[in-house]
Protein backbone atom coordinates (compact mmCIF):
# COMPACT_ATOMS: atom_id res chain seq x y z
CA MET A 1 0.00 0.00 0.00
CA LYS A 2 2.85 2.40 0.82
CA LEU A 3 4.46 1.64 -2.53
CA ARG A 4 1.24 2.57 -4.32
CA GLY A 5 1.08 5.89 -2.43
CA TRP A 6 4.67 6.69 -3.37
CA MET A 7 3.99 5.85 -7.00
CA ILE A 8 0.93 8.12 -7.11
CA GLY A 9 2.84 10.93 -5.40
CA THR A 10 5.74 10.57 -7.83
CA LEU A 11 3.37 10.63 -10.83
CA MET A 12 1.62 13.76 -9.53
CA LEU A 13 4.94 15.51 -8.98
CA GLY A 14 6.13 14.48 -12.44
CA ALA A 15 2.93 15.77 -14.02
CA SER A 16 3.31 19.18 -12.38
CA VAL A 17 6.86 19.78 -13.64
CA PRO A 18 5.90 20.47 -17.31
CA LEU A 19 3.21 22.92 -16.17
CA ALA A 20 5.68 24.78 -13.97
CA LEU A 21 8.22 24.88 -16.80
CA ALA A 22 5.62 26.14 -19.27
CA GLN A 23 4.58 28.91 -16.92
CA SER A 24 8.17 29.93 -16.28
CA ASP A 25 8.79 30.19 -20.04
CA MET A 26 6.07 32.82 -20.43
CA ARG A 27 8.57 35.49 -19.43
CA SER A 28 12.20 35.70 -20.23
CA PRO A 29 14.53 35.44 -17.24
CA SER A 30 15.47 39.10 -17.57
CA SER A 31 11.91 40.46 -17.72
CA SER A 32 10.51 42.30 -14.76
CA SER A 33 7.24 41.40 -13.11
CA SER A 34 5.67 44.61 -14.49
CA GLU A 35 6.00 43.37 -18.09
CA GLN A 36 2.96 41.52 -19.40
CA TYR A 37 2.97 38.49 -21.63
CA VAL A 38 1.83 39.35 -25.14
CA PRO A 39 0.62 36.40 -27.20
CA ARG A 40 2.02 36.03 -30.69
CA LEU A 41 -0.28 37.17 -33.48
CA GLY A 42 -0.31 33.65 -34.92
CA ASP A 43 -1.52 32.28 -31.60
CA ILE A 44 -4.33 34.84 -31.41
CA MET A 45 -5.36 34.09 -34.97
CA SER A 46 -5.29 30.33 -34.33
CA GLY A 47 -7.81 30.99 -31.58
CA VAL A 48 -9.91 33.06 -33.99
CA GLN A 49 -9.74 30.24 -36.54
CA ALA A 50 -10.93 27.74 -33.92
CA ARG A 51 -13.84 30.07 -33.08
CA HIS A 52 -14.69 30.30 -36.79
CA VAL A 53 -15.01 26.50 -36.97
CA LYS A 54 -17.09 26.30 -33.82
CA LEU A 55 -19.28 29.22 -34.89
CA TRP A 56 -20.01 27.53 -38.21
CA PHE A 57 -20.96 24.19 -36.70
CA ALA A 58 -23.01 25.80 -33.93
CA GLY A 59 -25.01 27.75 -36.53
CA LYS A 60 -25.34 24.74 -38.79
CA ALA A 61 -26.75 22.77 -35.83
CA GLN A 62 -28.99 25.75 -34.98
CA ASN A 63 -27.44 26.00 -31.53
CA TRP A 64 -27.94 29.76 -31.56
CA GLY A 65 -26.79 30.27 -27.97
CA LEU A 66 -23.46 28.62 -28.71
CA ALA A 67 -23.19 30.48 -32.02
CA GLU A 68 -23.72 33.79 -30.23
CA PHE A 69 -21.05 32.87 -27.66
CA GLU A 70 -18.53 31.82 -30.31
CA LEU A 71 -19.16 35.01 -32.28
CA ARG A 72 -18.42 37.10 -29.16
CA GLN A 73 -15.21 35.13 -28.62
CA LEU A 74 -14.21 35.53 -32.27
CA LYS A 75 -14.78 39.30 -32.07
CA ALA A 76 -12.73 39.47 -28.86
CA GLY A 77 -9.83 37.69 -30.56
CA LEU A 78 -9.91 40.05 -33.53
CA THR A 79 -10.06 43.05 -31.20
CA GLU A 80 -7.13 41.71 -29.19
CA ALA A 81 -5.08 41.26 -32.38
CA ALA A 82 -5.84 44.81 -33.52
CA LEU A 83 -5.00 46.32 -30.13
CA LEU A 84 -1.78 44.39 -29.60
CA TYR A 85 -0.41 44.57 -33.14
CA SER A 86 -0.23 48.09 -34.54
CA GLY A 87 0.90 46.76 -37.94
CA ILE A 88 -2.65 45.65 -38.68
CA PRO A 89 -4.30 48.51 -40.60
CA VAL A 90 -7.45 49.91 -39.01
CA THR A 91 -9.29 49.45 -42.31
CA ASN A 92 -8.68 45.70 -42.10
CA VAL A 93 -10.43 45.63 -38.74
CA THR A 94 -13.31 47.95 -39.66
CA THR A 95 -13.91 46.06 -42.94
CA LEU A 96 -15.04 43.10 -40.85
CA ASP A 97 -17.70 45.15 -39.01
CA GLY A 98 -20.32 44.52 -41.71
CA PRO A 99 -19.79 40.76 -42.00
CA LEU A 100 -19.69 40.39 -38.20
CA THR A 101 -22.96 42.34 -37.90
CA ASP A 102 -24.52 40.17 -40.61
CA VAL A 103 -23.56 37.00 -38.69
CA SER A 104 -24.93 38.49 -35.48
CA ASP A 105 -28.20 39.46 -37.19
CA ALA A 106 -28.58 35.95 -38.64
CA ILE A 107 -28.03 34.43 -35.20
CA SER A 108 -30.59 36.78 -33.64
CA ALA A 109 -33.08 35.88 -36.36
CA LYS A 110 -32.24 32.16 -35.95
CA ASP A 111 -32.09 32.01 -39.74
CA GLY A 112 -29.87 29.22 -41.06
CA ARG A 113 -29.79 30.48 -44.66
CA LYS A 114 -28.96 34.01 -43.63
CA PHE A 115 -26.31 32.61 -41.28
CA ALA A 116 -24.63 30.58 -44.05
CA LYS A 117 -24.54 33.62 -46.35
CA ALA A 118 -23.19 35.85 -43.55
CA MET A 119 -20.48 33.31 -42.67
CA SER A 120 -19.43 33.28 -46.32
CA GLY A 121 -19.06 37.07 -46.18
CA LEU A 122 -17.10 36.87 -42.93
CA THR A 123 -14.81 34.22 -44.39
CA ASP A 124 -14.20 36.38 -47.47
CA GLY A 125 -13.36 39.28 -45.14
CA CYS A 126 -10.80 37.16 -43.28
CA ASN A 127 -9.15 36.17 -46.54
CA GLY A 128 -9.17 39.77 -47.78
CA CYS A 129 -7.32 40.84 -44.63
CA HIS A 130 -4.78 38.04 -45.06
CA GLN A 131 -4.19 39.06 -48.68
CA SER A 132 -3.75 42.74 -47.83
CA MET A 133 -1.16 41.81 -45.20
CA GLY A 134 0.85 39.68 -47.64
CA ARG A 135 -0.42 36.50 -45.99
CA GLY A 136 -2.72 35.31 -48.79
CA PHE A 137 -1.27 31.85 -48.36
CA ILE A 138 -3.41 31.61 -45.20
CA ALA A 139 -6.73 30.82 -46.86
CA ILE A 140 -9.77 30.24 -44.67
CA ARG A 141 -12.95 28.56 -45.89
CA ILE A 142 -16.29 27.43 -44.57
CA PRO A 143 -15.50 24.22 -42.68
CA THR A 144 -16.26 21.00 -44.49
CA GLN A 145 -15.56 18.58 -41.65
CA GLN A 146 -15.91 18.68 -37.89
CA GLN A 147 -12.21 18.41 -37.21
CA PRO A 148 -9.47 20.82 -36.23
CA PHE A 149 -8.54 23.09 -39.12
CA GLY A 150 -11.36 21.80 -41.31
CA ASN A 151 -11.82 25.43 -42.30
CA GLN A 152 -8.36 26.03 -43.73
CA GLN A 153 -7.28 25.29 -47.27
CA PHE A 154 -3.81 23.85 -47.23
CA ALA A 155 -3.36 23.62 -51.00
CA PRO A 156 -1.80 26.77 -52.55
CA GLN A 157 -4.24 29.19 -54.16
CA ARG A 158 -4.12 29.43 -57.97
């Protein structure tokens, strides 16, 4: 019985080490405690992409509460990117206002057809931003499968 307790304790200690190391890597050793961690733009946008997938499937399933939640999270991610990265032109952010409003209106109306059309407009807006930033190779699409990154085209655009 004592051996089992030691084994469980050792496993718990071993499991906590990677978490502690990951947290310690969030700041460089020379940074002061007043500096805040700023996520990389790619990490923020990966979160936005995940929200895009979840938003699509929530709307497709007519889970309007979840769709509304995912839309709020997607907007928050885009806002965070714009605030933290001054290299993103303001016009790129404001161009998405219309498509985001259209998605929100479709969710409020609980209208699946309107939602699909609005999501197409939002997706086009995402790709337009990527192209204007010289990142046209990041092509987003309406998800085709319920799997991670089912909404990204990995083949080069022609």
